Amino acid sequence: DGKKSVPYIVTHDARTIRYPDPSIKINDTVVIDVKTGKVTDFIKFDTGNTVMVIGGRNTGRVGIITHRERHASSYDIVHIKDAAGNQFATR
């Protein structure tokens, strides 16, 4: 890191994208054009947005983020409500 470092993001499938939009933060979802490898859009990881859990015992569950507990130096806990009204928490 330093003044001359190149900003980049790494996706879950190990793609490295140099010079991304500075608005993209950790846990945001990026839409990538597969042919060009460029980011075409992104979705913020915020309360009120729809999410799908991709790991752990809640894998495959879809719902809306109701609350996000931020824990310094640890995992965040995200509270989600699914279409049936069931609430669950995951990290």
Protein backbone atom coordinates (compact mmCIF):
# COMPACT_ATOMS: atom_id res chain seq x y z
CA ASP A 1 0.00 0.00 0.00
CA GLY A 2 1.05 3.55 -0.59
CA LYS A 3 0.43 6.57 -2.76
CA LYS A 4 1.12 4.64 -5.96
CA SER A 5 -0.81 1.46 -5.18
CA VAL A 6 -3.47 0.34 -7.66
CA PRO A 7 -7.01 0.02 -6.20
CA TYR A 8 -8.60 -3.36 -6.91
CA ILE A 9 -11.35 -5.73 -5.78
CA VAL A 10 -11.30 -9.53 -5.66
CA THR A 11 -14.52 -11.47 -6.27
CA HIS A 12 -15.58 -14.72 -4.59
CA ASP A 13 -14.40 -16.65 -7.69
CA ALA A 14 -10.90 -15.07 -7.49
CA ARG A 15 -11.30 -12.49 -10.27
CA THR A 16 -9.23 -9.39 -9.67
CA ILE A 17 -10.67 -6.14 -11.04
CA ARG A 18 -8.37 -3.14 -11.13
CA TYR A 19 -9.59 0.45 -10.71
CA PRO A 20 -13.17 -0.34 -9.59
CA ASP A 21 -15.76 2.32 -8.80
CA PRO A 22 -14.65 3.83 -5.45
CA SER A 23 -18.25 3.48 -4.16
CA ILE A 24 -17.92 -0.33 -4.11
CA LYS A 25 -17.26 -1.58 -0.58
CA ILE A 26 -16.71 -4.98 1.07
CA ASN A 27 -19.77 -7.31 0.80
CA ASP A 28 -21.37 -5.33 -2.06
CA THR A 29 -22.54 -7.38 -5.05
CA VAL A 30 -20.95 -6.56 -8.40
CA VAL A 31 -22.46 -7.33 -11.81
CA ILE A 32 -19.73 -8.28 -14.27
CA ASP A 33 -19.89 -8.47 -18.07
CA VAL A 34 -18.38 -11.92 -18.62
CA LYS A 35 -17.07 -11.08 -22.12
CA THR A 36 -15.19 -7.92 -21.10
CA GLY A 37 -14.60 -8.62 -17.40
CA LYS A 38 -15.78 -5.09 -16.56
CA VAL A 39 -18.12 -4.15 -13.70
CA THR A 40 -21.43 -3.01 -15.22
CA ASP A 41 -23.34 -2.41 -11.97
CA PHE A 42 -23.19 -3.00 -8.23
CA ILE A 43 -25.66 -3.41 -5.35
CA LYS A 44 -24.89 -2.08 -1.86
CA PHE A 45 -25.01 -4.46 1.13
CA ASP A 46 -27.51 -2.36 3.12
CA THR A 47 -30.62 -2.77 5.27
CA GLY A 48 -33.71 -3.31 3.11
CA ASN A 49 -31.92 -5.10 0.28
CA THR A 50 -32.62 -8.69 -0.75
CA VAL A 51 -29.88 -11.23 -0.03
CA MET A 52 -29.19 -14.93 -0.58
CA VAL A 53 -27.09 -16.82 1.96
CA ILE A 54 -24.31 -18.72 0.16
CA GLY A 55 -22.67 -20.60 3.03
CA GLY A 56 -23.35 -22.33 6.34
CA ARG A 57 -26.51 -23.93 7.63
CA ASN A 58 -28.74 -21.20 6.12
CA THR A 59 -27.36 -21.79 2.60
CA GLY A 60 -29.91 -21.01 -0.09
CA ARG A 61 -32.22 -18.95 2.11
CA VAL A 62 -33.38 -15.66 0.61
CA GLY A 63 -34.69 -12.66 2.51
CA ILE A 64 -34.42 -8.98 3.26
CA ILE A 65 -31.76 -7.52 5.54
CA THR A 66 -33.49 -6.09 8.63
CA HIS A 67 -30.45 -5.26 10.74
CA ARG A 68 -26.66 -5.54 10.66
CA GLU A 69 -24.64 -5.84 13.87
CA ARG A 70 -21.09 -4.66 13.32
CA HIS A 71 -18.47 -6.27 15.54
CA ALA A 72 -14.97 -4.79 15.41
CA SER A 73 -12.23 -7.34 14.69
CA SER A 74 -14.82 -10.07 14.11
CA TYR A 75 -17.63 -11.13 11.80
CA ASP A 76 -20.72 -8.95 11.37
CA ILE A 77 -24.07 -10.55 12.23
CA VAL A 78 -26.83 -9.93 9.68
CA HIS A 79 -30.49 -10.32 10.64
CA ILE A 80 -32.70 -11.43 7.75
CA LYS A 81 -36.46 -11.88 7.30
CA ASP A 82 -37.63 -14.31 4.62
CA ALA A 83 -40.85 -14.27 2.55
CA ALA A 84 -42.64 -16.52 5.07
CA GLY A 85 -41.93 -14.00 7.85
CA ASN A 86 -39.28 -16.16 9.53
CA GLN A 87 -36.35 -14.23 10.95
CA PHE A 88 -32.83 -15.61 11.25
CA ALA A 89 -29.32 -14.32 11.82
CA THR A 90 -26.16 -15.26 10.00
CA ARG A 91 -22.65 -13.95 9.58
